[in-house]
Amino acid sequence: MTSRVIFVVDDDASVRTAVRRLLLSLRYPVRLFGSAEEFLSNTDSEARGCLILDLRLPGMNGLELQQQLCDRGWKLPVLFITAHDDEASRDLALRRGAVAYLRKPFDRDRLLGGVRDALGQDGT
């Protein structure tokens, strides 16, 4: 069984760093990626934990990555974070099973609540 990890995919290094610090302060293992493609190239389908995912990314966007994960049968719960909220994207993300959809700057307690919910769903 693979250990549970919080994966963070965001093209903004300052967001990745802030989220990493928050999660490490609570002793969650964290892996950071600057793009969806980097995540897919460096993570296997047996990954357990959850994915904190930016909506707008260079190349493949967050919704496209979420669809790729669904198409590949990955069971990794997803929490979206975005500075560019729109109703259609939010509805699609949630319809596809996103655990949370948070607008930046997000409340740390809402993010941590989403992580706890996601870890409760990951089946481990």
Foldseek 3Di string as FASTA:
>chain_A
DDDAAEEEEALDPVVQVVVVVLCVVVPGHYDYHPHLVVCVVPDDLVHFAAYEAEQDHPDQGPLNSLVVNVVVVRLHAYEYEYQDDDDVVVVSCVVSPHLYYAYPVGDPVVVVVSRVVRNVRRPD
